[in-house]
Amino acid sequence: MSKKIRDYLLLSLGTLLVSAGVYVFKFPNNFSTGGVSGISIILGYVIPNITPGTLVLVINVLLLILGFIFLGKSFGIRTVYCSLLMSLSIYIMEQVFPLAHALTDQKLLELIFAVMLPAVGSAILFNMQASTGGTDILAMILRKYTNLDIGKALFCADACIVLISCLVFGAETGLFSILGLILKAAVVDTVIESINLRKYCTIITSKHELVEEFIMERLRRGATVWKAYGSYTHTDRYIVLAAVKRAQAQALRQYVRSIDPSAFILITNTSEIIGKGFRGV
């Protein structure tokens, strides 16, 4: 399978998770946690004979047009794809299996899924430098033409949408929406870190050549080696530094322990490794 096909399968998966969370859990409960879906929920309640799914489609198309006008070629094709896929999938779900009410009478349980599914989907998209469009397009336009702090501006806009939902749907739904807004950012960050989680291993050993060979030949990774001196043993040692995936870290640890029981090994979590074989290259 080519990388491009795999990427678009992941983009589709992330987008469909967002769509499912929005349609199945947000819309029936009127959870307005910001963004286009939050605006659509409020407008769908206020404007008769028009559904939130239709409004999502209309608003996203209008925002895509604005994106092409103001951003031109810098407007990402992945964002266009995900935005249209989300809008169409929600619209199709409305036509195929309309939901007249929430799946359960447990609002907190519904809120958890309303936050988790879109957050996981959004994290997949953000990790691939894409998004479902919506207010992100406005952020891209503002970033290009102004010096505003985009993150704070978007949060303020989402907060305004949540406050309006309090007035439209009542205090209970409004408070659930506020809770959802707070949880959304935390869950997205956590999922992104989990997706990108890698290990960097610092190995202090006298058998560095065997360790280097294992890393390069078996794990297909590179390593940095420098000579050191043990203050306790008063002997020469070598420090081997390597960044690997989680499963590779376990294999490396077991191998080093098998060839050099006296080796000193430090394995640390990191979600930001930039370089060949990892992000940024």
Protein backbone atom coordinates (compact mmCIF):
# COMPACT_ATOMS: atom_id res chain seq x y z
CA MET A 1 0.00 0.00 0.00
CA SER A 2 1.42 3.36 -1.02
CA LYS A 3 2.02 6.07 1.57
CA LYS A 4 -0.52 8.37 -0.10
CA ILE A 5 -3.30 5.78 0.07
CA ARG A 6 -2.45 5.00 3.70
CA ASP A 7 -2.48 8.70 4.56
CA TYR A 8 -5.91 9.24 3.04
CA LEU A 9 -7.28 6.16 4.78
CA LEU A 10 -6.11 7.66 8.08
CA LEU A 11 -7.55 11.04 7.12
CA SER A 12 -10.88 9.36 6.33
CA LEU A 13 -10.84 7.44 9.62
CA GLY A 14 -10.14 10.58 11.63
CA THR A 15 -12.83 12.55 9.79
CA LEU A 16 -15.45 9.83 10.23
CA LEU A 17 -14.71 9.64 13.97
CA VAL A 18 -15.33 13.38 14.21
CA SER A 19 -18.53 13.06 12.15
CA ALA A 20 -19.86 10.18 14.24
CA GLY A 21 -19.20 11.98 17.51
CA VAL A 22 -20.84 15.16 16.25
CA TYR A 23 -23.93 13.57 14.71
CA VAL A 24 -24.64 10.73 17.17
CA PHE A 25 -23.78 12.47 20.44
CA LYS A 26 -23.50 16.25 19.98
CA PHE A 27 -26.54 17.01 17.84
CA PRO A 28 -29.21 15.07 19.83
CA ASN A 29 -28.01 16.54 23.13
CA ASN A 30 -27.41 20.09 21.82
CA PHE A 31 -23.82 20.04 23.10
CA SER A 32 -22.39 23.23 21.61
CA THR A 33 -18.68 23.07 22.37
CA GLY A 34 -17.72 25.59 19.70
CA GLY A 35 -16.75 25.44 16.05
CA VAL A 36 -19.04 24.96 13.07
CA SER A 37 -20.91 22.10 14.75
CA GLY A 38 -21.72 24.33 17.74
CA ILE A 39 -22.94 27.14 15.50
CA SER A 40 -25.02 24.67 13.49
CA ILE A 41 -26.66 23.23 16.60
CA ILE A 42 -27.74 26.69 17.77
CA LEU A 43 -28.91 27.85 14.32
CA GLY A 44 -30.69 24.53 13.72
CA TYR A 45 -32.68 25.10 16.90
CA VAL A 46 -33.48 28.73 16.10
CA ILE A 47 -34.19 28.39 12.36
CA PRO A 48 -37.17 26.13 11.58
CA ASN A 49 -37.12 23.39 8.93
CA ILE A 50 -33.35 23.18 8.62
CA THR A 51 -31.17 20.53 10.25
CA PRO A 52 -27.74 20.99 11.89
CA GLY A 53 -26.23 18.59 9.36
CA THR A 54 -27.40 20.76 6.47
CA LEU A 55 -26.02 23.84 8.21
CA VAL A 56 -22.63 22.14 8.72
CA LEU A 57 -22.49 21.45 4.98
CA VAL A 58 -23.48 24.99 4.02
CA ILE A 59 -21.16 26.73 6.49
CA ASN A 60 -18.17 24.55 5.65
CA VAL A 61 -18.63 25.10 1.91
CA LEU A 62 -18.79 28.87 2.48
CA LEU A 63 -15.65 28.74 4.62
CA LEU A 64 -13.85 26.66 1.97
CA ILE A 65 -14.70 29.31 -0.62
CA LEU A 66 -13.28 31.98 1.69
CA GLY A 67 -10.18 29.84 2.12
CA PHE A 68 -9.60 29.62 -1.62
CA ILE A 69 -10.17 33.37 -2.01
CA PHE A 70 -7.87 34.53 0.78
CA LEU A 71 -5.34 31.71 1.04
CA GLY A 72 -5.01 30.54 -2.56
CA LYS A 73 -2.55 27.71 -3.18
CA SER A 74 -1.45 27.65 0.45
CA PHE A 75 -4.87 26.27 1.32
CA GLY A 76 -4.24 22.60 2.15
CA ILE A 77 -5.86 19.94 -0.06
CA ARG A 78 -6.09 17.63 2.97
CA THR A 79 -8.17 20.16 4.87
CA VAL A 80 -10.45 20.57 1.86
CA TYR A 81 -10.87 16.79 1.62
CA CYS A 82 -11.58 16.36 5.36
CA SER A 83 -13.95 19.33 5.50
CA LEU A 84 -16.05 18.08 2.57
CA LEU A 85 -15.99 14.47 3.83
CA MET A 86 -17.19 15.53 7.28
CA SER A 87 -19.95 17.75 5.91
CA LEU A 88 -21.21 15.11 3.47
CA SER A 89 -20.97 12.23 5.94
CA ILE A 90 -23.05 14.10 8.54
CA TYR A 91 -25.59 15.07 5.88
CA ILE A 92 -25.82 11.44 4.69
CA MET A 93 -26.22 10.14 8.24
CA GLU A 94 -29.12 12.53 8.74
CA GLN A 95 -30.83 11.13 5.67
CA VAL A 96 -30.09 7.44 6.32
CA PHE A 97 -30.79 7.19 10.06
CA PRO A 98 -32.27 10.38 11.50
CA LEU A 99 -32.01 10.71 15.29
CA ALA A 100 -35.07 12.20 16.98
CA HIS A 101 -33.51 11.95 20.45
CA ALA A 102 -30.35 10.94 22.28
CA LEU A 103 -29.30 7.29 22.40
CA THR A 104 -29.51 7.18 26.21
CA ASP A 105 -30.81 9.30 29.06
CA GLN A 106 -27.29 9.53 30.56
CA LYS A 107 -26.10 12.97 29.53
CA LEU A 108 -22.67 12.66 31.11
CA LEU A 109 -22.03 9.39 29.27
CA GLU A 110 -23.14 11.01 26.01
CA LEU A 111 -20.87 14.00 26.68
CA ILE A 112 -17.87 11.69 27.14
CA PHE A 113 -18.43 10.16 23.70
CA ALA A 114 -19.27 13.58 22.21
CA VAL A 115 -15.83 14.75 23.34
CA MET A 116 -13.76 11.57 22.91
CA LEU A 117 -14.68 10.59 19.34
CA PRO A 118 -14.10 14.04 17.78
CA ALA A 119 -10.99 14.56 19.93
CA VAL A 120 -9.40 11.30 18.78
CA GLY A 121 -10.37 12.02 15.18
CA SER A 122 -9.05 15.58 15.36
CA ALA A 123 -5.79 14.37 16.91
CA ILE A 124 -5.27 11.97 13.99
CA LEU A 125 -5.89 14.82 11.54
CA PHE A 126 -3.73 17.38 13.38
CA ASN A 127 -0.90 14.83 13.52
CA MET A 128 -1.08 14.64 9.72
CA GLN A 129 -1.17 18.42 9.27
CA ALA A 130 -4.87 18.44 8.40
CA SER A 131 -8.18 19.42 9.98
CA THR A 132 -11.90 19.32 9.26
CA GLY A 133 -11.80 22.98 8.27
CA GLY A 134 -14.55 25.05 9.86
CA THR A 135 -13.27 27.77 12.16
CA ASP A 136 -9.72 26.53 11.51
CA ILE A 137 -10.03 28.15 8.08
CA LEU A 138 -10.86 31.48 9.70
CA ALA A 139 -7.81 31.01 11.94
CA MET A 140 -5.60 30.46 8.89
CA ILE A 141 -6.96 33.64 7.28
CA LEU A 142 -6.48 35.68 10.46
CA ARG A 143 -2.96 34.30 10.87
CA LYS A 144 -2.10 35.48 7.36
CA TYR A 145 -3.50 39.00 7.61
CA THR A 146 -3.27 39.93 11.30
CA ASN A 147 -1.03 39.61 14.33
CA LEU A 148 -3.75 38.19 16.56
CA ASP A 149 -3.09 35.33 18.94
CA ILE A 150 -5.11 32.78 16.95
CA GLY A 151 -5.36 30.18 19.72
CA LYS A 152 -6.83 32.68 22.17
CA ALA A 153 -9.11 34.17 19.51
CA LEU A 154 -10.56 30.75 18.63
CA PHE A 155 -11.00 29.83 22.29
CA CYS A 156 -12.85 33.10 22.90
CA ALA A 157 -15.07 32.43 19.89
CA ASP A 158 -15.83 28.90 21.14
CA ALA A 159 -16.54 30.29 24.60
CA CYS A 160 -19.04 32.76 23.10
CA ILE A 161 -20.79 29.91 21.27
CA VAL A 162 -21.01 27.96 24.54
CA LEU A 163 -22.44 30.95 26.39
CA ILE A 164 -25.07 31.44 23.68
CA SER A 165 -26.02 27.76 24.03
CA CYS A 166 -26.65 28.42 27.74
CA LEU A 167 -29.20 31.07 26.76
CA VAL A 168 -30.78 28.97 24.00
CA PHE A 169 -30.87 25.49 25.59
CA GLY A 170 -30.82 26.26 29.30
CA ALA A 171 -28.32 26.02 32.13
CA GLU A 172 -27.94 22.22 32.20
CA THR A 173 -27.06 21.81 28.53
CA GLY A 174 -24.93 24.95 28.70
CA LEU A 175 -22.92 23.62 31.63
CA PHE A 176 -22.38 20.30 29.83
CA SER A 177 -21.17 22.29 26.81
CA ILE A 178 -18.73 24.25 28.97
CA LEU A 179 -17.39 21.01 30.43
CA GLY A 180 -17.06 19.57 26.91
CA LEU A 181 -15.13 22.64 25.73
CA ILE A 182 -12.65 22.28 28.59
CA LEU A 183 -12.21 18.54 28.09
CA LYS A 184 -11.83 18.79 24.30
CA ALA A 185 -8.49 20.61 24.31
CA ALA A 186 -7.02 18.35 27.01
CA VAL A 187 -8.06 15.13 25.25
CA VAL A 188 -6.75 16.26 21.84
CA ASP A 189 -3.34 17.11 23.32
CA THR A 190 -3.19 13.80 25.20
CA VAL A 191 -4.08 11.73 22.13
CA ILE A 192 -1.56 13.56 19.93
CA GLU A 193 1.19 12.91 22.47
CA SER A 194 0.20 9.24 22.67
CA ILE A 195 0.25 8.86 18.87
CA ASN A 196 3.70 10.45 18.64
CA LEU A 197 5.15 8.76 21.72
CA ARG A 198 8.69 7.52 21.13
CA LYS A 199 11.58 6.50 23.36
CA TYR A 200 15.10 7.81 23.50
CA CYS A 201 17.57 5.45 25.05
CA THR A 202 20.83 6.39 26.72
CA ILE A 203 23.04 3.32 27.18
CA ILE A 204 26.32 3.38 29.10
CA THR A 205 28.27 0.25 28.19
CA SER A 206 31.70 -1.16 27.40
CA LYS A 207 30.29 -3.18 24.48
CA HIS A 208 29.19 -0.27 22.34
CA GLU A 209 30.08 -1.92 19.02
CA LEU A 210 27.58 -4.75 19.58
CA VAL A 211 24.92 -2.25 20.66
CA GLU A 212 25.55 -0.09 17.60
CA GLU A 213 25.31 -3.13 15.33
CA PHE A 214 21.99 -4.21 16.90
CA ILE A 215 20.50 -0.73 16.56
CA MET A 216 21.55 -0.30 12.94
CA GLU A 217 21.06 -3.86 11.62
CA ARG A 218 18.11 -5.12 13.65
CA LEU A 219 16.20 -1.95 14.51
CA ARG A 220 17.13 -0.01 11.36
CA ARG A 221 17.88 3.10 13.41
CA GLY A 222 20.88 5.33 13.89
CA ALA A 223 22.83 6.09 17.04
CA THR A 224 25.24 8.63 18.47
CA VAL A 225 28.24 7.36 20.44
CA TRP A 226 30.79 9.15 22.56
CA LYS A 227 33.49 8.04 24.93
CA ALA A 228 33.03 8.54 28.66
CA TYR A 229 34.66 7.73 31.99
CA GLY A 230 32.99 5.99 34.94
CA SER A 231 33.66 7.91 38.14
CA TYR A 232 32.68 4.93 40.31
CA THR A 233 34.47 2.14 38.39
CA HIS A 234 37.33 4.35 37.11
CA THR A 235 37.09 2.64 33.74
CA ASP A 236 36.37 3.79 30.22
CA ARG A 237 32.79 3.52 29.03
CA TYR A 238 30.83 4.47 25.92
CA ILE A 239 27.51 6.30 25.82
CA VAL A 240 25.14 5.23 23.06
CA LEU A 241 22.15 7.48 22.35
CA ALA A 242 19.31 6.24 20.11
CA ALA A 243 15.74 7.33 19.41
CA VAL A 244 13.40 4.40 18.72
CA LYS A 245 9.77 3.33 18.76
CA ARG A 246 8.18 1.82 21.85
CA ALA A 247 8.48 -1.84 20.79
CA GLN A 248 12.06 -1.25 19.63
CA ALA A 249 12.99 0.19 23.02
CA GLN A 250 11.88 -3.02 24.71
CA ALA A 251 13.90 -5.14 22.28
CA LEU A 252 16.96 -2.91 22.72
CA ARG A 253 16.74 -3.07 26.51
CA GLN A 254 16.57 -6.88 26.49
CA TYR A 255 19.49 -7.18 24.07
CA VAL A 256 21.76 -4.83 26.03
CA ARG A 257 21.01 -6.64 29.28
CA SER A 258 21.83 -9.99 27.62
CA ILE A 259 25.27 -8.90 26.35
CA ASP A 260 26.26 -6.55 29.15
CA PRO A 261 24.51 -7.07 32.52
CA SER A 262 26.50 -4.20 34.02
CA ALA A 263 25.28 -1.68 31.42
CA PHE A 264 23.44 1.40 32.66
CA ILE A 265 20.28 2.12 30.63
CA LEU A 266 18.02 5.17 30.71
CA ILE A 267 14.81 5.05 28.64
CA THR A 268 12.75 8.23 28.44
CA ASN A 269 9.38 9.04 26.85
CA THR A 270 9.19 11.82 24.28
CA SER A 271 6.58 12.93 21.74
CA GLU A 272 8.83 15.44 19.96
CA ILE A 273 11.61 13.89 17.91
CA ILE A 274 12.47 15.84 14.78
CA GLY A 275 14.89 14.32 12.31
CA LYS A 276 15.38 11.59 9.75
CA GLY A 277 13.03 8.68 10.34
CA PHE A 278 10.80 10.75 12.60
CA ARG A 279 8.81 13.96 12.28
CA GLY A 280 9.91 16.90 10.21
CA VAL A 281 11.93 14.98 7.60
